[in-house]
C-alpha cells in the first residue's frame, strides 16, 4: 500500500490524519501508529480472498473421498 498508495485510494501515507486533517479516507494512518478504517477494510478483503469458502473445502473433501474410493476398487 505504501509503494503505490493511489491504487488503494490514499493520497497521504506518511502523516497521520490527526496531524494533517482533511478527509480521513485519504490517509493510511489515523495517528502515528493506528491504520484507518479504509486500511482495515483492504486487509479484511485480502484475508477473505485468501481463505477458501467452507463450501469449497467440503468440495475438496468429497473429491478426495471419491478418489480414495476409486483407488480402493482398482486394487
N, C-alpha and C. Protein backbone atom coordinates (compact mmCIF):
# COMPACT_ATOMS: atom_id res chain seq x y z
N UNK A 1 0.81 -1.19 0.00
CA UNK A 1 0.00 0.00 0.00
C UNK A 1 0.86 1.26 0.00
N UNK A 2 1.97 1.17 0.71
CA UNK A 2 2.84 2.36 0.77
C UNK A 2 3.56 2.62 -0.55
N UNK A 3 3.84 1.56 -1.30
CA UNK A 3 4.58 1.73 -2.54
C UNK A 3 3.72 2.34 -3.65
N UNK A 4 2.43 2.06 -3.63
CA UNK A 4 1.53 2.60 -4.65
C UNK A 4 0.21 3.01 -4.00
N UNK A 5 0.23 4.07 -3.20
CA UNK A 5 -0.95 4.44 -2.42
C UNK A 5 -2.17 4.82 -3.26
N UNK A 6 -1.95 5.40 -4.43
CA UNK A 6 -3.09 5.82 -5.27
C UNK A 6 -3.94 4.63 -5.71
N UNK A 7 -3.32 3.47 -5.85
CA UNK A 7 -4.06 2.26 -6.22
C UNK A 7 -5.13 1.95 -5.18
N UNK A 8 -4.84 2.25 -3.94
CA UNK A 8 -5.76 1.95 -2.84
C UNK A 8 -6.59 3.16 -2.42
N UNK A 9 -6.42 4.28 -3.10
CA UNK A 9 -7.20 5.47 -2.80
C UNK A 9 -6.61 6.38 -1.74
N UNK A 10 -5.34 6.20 -1.42
CA UNK A 10 -4.69 7.04 -0.41
C UNK A 10 -3.85 8.13 -1.08
N UNK A 11 -3.90 9.31 -0.51
CA UNK A 11 -3.04 10.38 -1.01
C UNK A 11 -1.93 10.72 -0.01
N UNK A 12 -2.06 10.23 1.22
CA UNK A 12 -1.05 10.52 2.24
C UNK A 12 -0.77 9.25 3.04
N UNK A 13 0.45 8.74 2.92
CA UNK A 13 0.83 7.54 3.67
C UNK A 13 1.97 7.83 4.64
N UNK A 14 2.36 9.09 4.75
CA UNK A 14 3.48 9.44 5.64
C UNK A 14 3.03 10.15 6.91
N UNK A 15 1.91 10.85 6.86
CA UNK A 15 1.39 11.56 8.04
C UNK A 15 0.11 10.90 8.52
N UNK A 16 -0.16 11.03 9.79
CA UNK A 16 -1.44 10.58 10.31
C UNK A 16 -2.51 11.63 10.07
N UNK A 17 -3.75 11.20 10.01
CA UNK A 17 -4.87 12.10 9.79
C UNK A 17 -4.95 13.17 10.87
N UNK A 18 -4.71 12.79 12.13
CA UNK A 18 -4.79 13.76 13.23
C UNK A 18 -3.77 14.88 13.08
N UNK A 19 -2.62 14.57 12.49
CA UNK A 19 -1.58 15.58 12.31
C UNK A 19 -1.89 16.56 11.18
N UNK A 20 -2.55 16.07 10.14
CA UNK A 20 -2.73 16.89 8.94
C UNK A 20 -4.17 17.34 8.72
N UNK A 21 -5.13 16.53 9.10
CA UNK A 21 -6.53 16.86 8.87
C UNK A 21 -6.95 16.58 7.44
N UNK A 22 -8.19 16.90 7.12
CA UNK A 22 -8.72 16.64 5.78
C UNK A 22 -9.69 15.48 5.81
N UNK A 23 -9.71 14.69 4.74
CA UNK A 23 -10.58 13.53 4.62
C UNK A 23 -9.85 12.30 5.14
N UNK A 24 -10.38 11.68 6.17
CA UNK A 24 -9.71 10.54 6.80
C UNK A 24 -9.49 9.39 5.83
N UNK A 25 -10.36 9.24 4.82
CA UNK A 25 -10.22 8.14 3.87
C UNK A 25 -9.04 8.31 2.92
N UNK A 26 -8.45 9.50 2.89
CA UNK A 26 -7.27 9.74 2.06
C UNK A 26 -5.98 9.32 2.76
N UNK A 27 -6.07 8.98 4.03
CA UNK A 27 -4.89 8.69 4.85
C UNK A 27 -4.78 7.20 5.15
N UNK A 28 -3.55 6.73 5.21
CA UNK A 28 -3.30 5.35 5.59
C UNK A 28 -3.35 5.17 7.11
N UNK A 29 -2.93 6.21 7.83
CA UNK A 29 -2.90 6.14 9.29
C UNK A 29 -3.77 7.22 9.92
N UNK A 30 -4.43 6.86 11.03
CA UNK A 30 -5.24 7.82 11.76
C UNK A 30 -4.36 8.73 12.61
N UNK A 31 -3.39 8.10 13.27
CA UNK A 31 -2.39 8.85 14.04
C UNK A 31 -1.03 8.29 13.64
N UNK A 32 -0.05 8.36 14.50
CA UNK A 32 1.28 7.88 14.14
C UNK A 32 1.38 6.36 14.06
N UNK A 33 0.42 5.64 14.63
CA UNK A 33 0.52 4.18 14.73
C UNK A 33 -0.66 3.45 14.09
N UNK A 34 -1.86 3.92 14.33
CA UNK A 34 -3.07 3.17 14.00
C UNK A 34 -3.56 3.39 12.57
N UNK A 35 -3.79 2.27 11.84
CA UNK A 35 -4.33 2.39 10.48
C UNK A 35 -5.77 2.90 10.50
N UNK A 36 -6.19 3.51 9.41
CA UNK A 36 -7.56 4.00 9.31
C UNK A 36 -8.50 2.84 8.99
N UNK A 37 -9.79 3.11 9.04
CA UNK A 37 -10.80 2.10 8.72
C UNK A 37 -10.65 1.63 7.27
N UNK A 38 -10.21 2.51 6.39
CA UNK A 38 -10.01 2.14 4.99
C UNK A 38 -8.92 1.06 4.87
N UNK A 39 -7.86 1.18 5.64
CA UNK A 39 -6.79 0.18 5.63
C UNK A 39 -7.32 -1.14 6.19
N UNK A 40 -8.07 -1.08 7.26
CA UNK A 40 -8.65 -2.30 7.84
C UNK A 40 -9.54 -3.00 6.83
N UNK A 41 -10.30 -2.25 6.06
CA UNK A 41 -11.18 -2.83 5.05
C UNK A 41 -10.38 -3.52 3.95
N UNK A 42 -9.30 -2.91 3.51
CA UNK A 42 -8.44 -3.52 2.49
C UNK A 42 -7.83 -4.81 3.02
N UNK A 43 -7.37 -4.80 4.26
CA UNK A 43 -6.80 -6.00 4.87
C UNK A 43 -7.85 -7.09 5.02
N UNK A 44 -9.08 -6.70 5.39
CA UNK A 44 -10.17 -7.68 5.51
C UNK A 44 -10.45 -8.33 4.16
N UNK A 45 -10.51 -7.53 3.12
CA UNK A 45 -10.78 -8.08 1.79
C UNK A 45 -9.67 -9.04 1.36
N UNK A 46 -8.44 -8.69 1.62
CA UNK A 46 -7.31 -9.55 1.27
C UNK A 46 -7.37 -10.87 2.02
N UNK A 47 -7.68 -10.80 3.31
CA UNK A 47 -7.76 -12.02 4.11
C UNK A 47 -8.93 -12.89 3.67
N UNK A 48 -10.05 -12.27 3.35
CA UNK A 48 -11.22 -13.01 2.90
C UNK A 48 -10.94 -13.72 1.59
N UNK A 49 -10.24 -13.08 0.68
CA UNK A 49 -9.91 -13.69 -0.60
C UNK A 49 -8.91 -14.83 -0.44
N UNK A 50 -8.05 -14.76 0.56
CA UNK A 50 -7.02 -15.77 0.75
C UNK A 50 -7.55 -17.04 1.40
N UNK A 51 -8.62 -16.94 2.16
CA UNK A 51 -9.18 -18.10 2.88
C UNK A 51 -10.31 -18.69 2.04
N UNK A 52 -10.23 -19.99 1.71
CA UNK A 52 -11.29 -20.58 0.90
C UNK A 52 -12.61 -20.65 1.66
N UNK A 53 -13.69 -20.61 0.90
CA UNK A 53 -15.02 -20.72 1.50
C UNK A 53 -15.21 -22.12 2.07
N UNK A 54 -16.02 -22.27 3.11
CA UNK A 54 -16.28 -23.60 3.66
C UNK A 54 -16.84 -24.56 2.62
N UNK A 55 -17.67 -24.06 1.71
CA UNK A 55 -18.25 -24.92 0.68
C UNK A 55 -17.15 -25.48 -0.20
N UNK A 56 -16.15 -24.70 -0.52
CA UNK A 56 -15.02 -25.17 -1.33
C UNK A 56 -14.27 -26.28 -0.60
N UNK A 57 -14.09 -26.11 0.69
CA UNK A 57 -13.39 -27.12 1.47
C UNK A 57 -14.16 -28.44 1.49
N UNK A 58 -15.49 -28.36 1.59
CA UNK A 58 -16.32 -29.57 1.55
C UNK A 58 -16.16 -30.23 0.18
N UNK A 59 -16.15 -29.43 -0.87
CA UNK A 59 -15.96 -29.97 -2.22
C UNK A 59 -14.64 -30.69 -2.36
N UNK A 60 -13.57 -30.13 -1.82
CA UNK A 60 -12.27 -30.79 -1.87
C UNK A 60 -12.30 -32.10 -1.08
N UNK A 61 -13.00 -32.10 0.05
CA UNK A 61 -13.11 -33.32 0.86
C UNK A 61 -13.86 -34.41 0.12
N UNK A 62 -14.96 -34.06 -0.53
CA UNK A 62 -15.73 -35.04 -1.30
C UNK A 62 -14.89 -35.57 -2.45
N UNK A 63 -14.17 -34.70 -3.13
CA UNK A 63 -13.31 -35.12 -4.23
C UNK A 63 -12.24 -36.11 -3.73
N UNK A 64 -11.65 -35.84 -2.59
CA UNK A 64 -10.65 -36.74 -2.02
C UNK A 64 -11.26 -38.09 -1.69
N UNK A 65 -12.48 -38.11 -1.16
CA UNK A 65 -13.15 -39.38 -0.86
C UNK A 65 -13.44 -40.17 -2.13
N UNK A 66 -13.88 -39.50 -3.17
CA UNK A 66 -14.16 -40.17 -4.45
C UNK A 66 -12.89 -40.78 -5.01
N UNK A 67 -11.80 -40.05 -4.99
CA UNK A 67 -10.52 -40.56 -5.49
C UNK A 67 -10.06 -41.75 -4.66
N UNK A 68 -10.17 -41.65 -3.35
CA UNK A 68 -9.76 -42.75 -2.47
C UNK A 68 -10.61 -43.98 -2.72
N UNK A 69 -11.88 -43.80 -2.94
CA UNK A 69 -12.78 -44.94 -3.17
C UNK A 69 -12.46 -45.61 -4.51
N UNK A 70 -12.19 -44.82 -5.53
CA UNK A 70 -11.83 -45.40 -6.83
C UNK A 70 -10.52 -46.16 -6.76
N UNK A 71 -9.57 -45.63 -6.01
CA UNK A 71 -8.29 -46.31 -5.87
C UNK A 71 -8.45 -47.64 -5.13
N UNK A 72 -9.32 -47.67 -4.12
CA UNK A 72 -9.50 -48.92 -3.37
C UNK A 72 -10.22 -49.97 -4.21
N UNK A 73 -11.08 -49.57 -5.13
CA UNK A 73 -11.77 -50.52 -6.01
C UNK A 73 -10.82 -51.09 -7.05
N UNK A 74 -9.85 -50.30 -7.48
CA UNK A 74 -8.92 -50.74 -8.52
C UNK A 74 -7.86 -51.69 -7.97
N UNK A 75 -7.64 -51.70 -6.66
CA UNK A 75 -6.59 -52.55 -6.12
C UNK A 75 -7.09 -53.89 -5.68
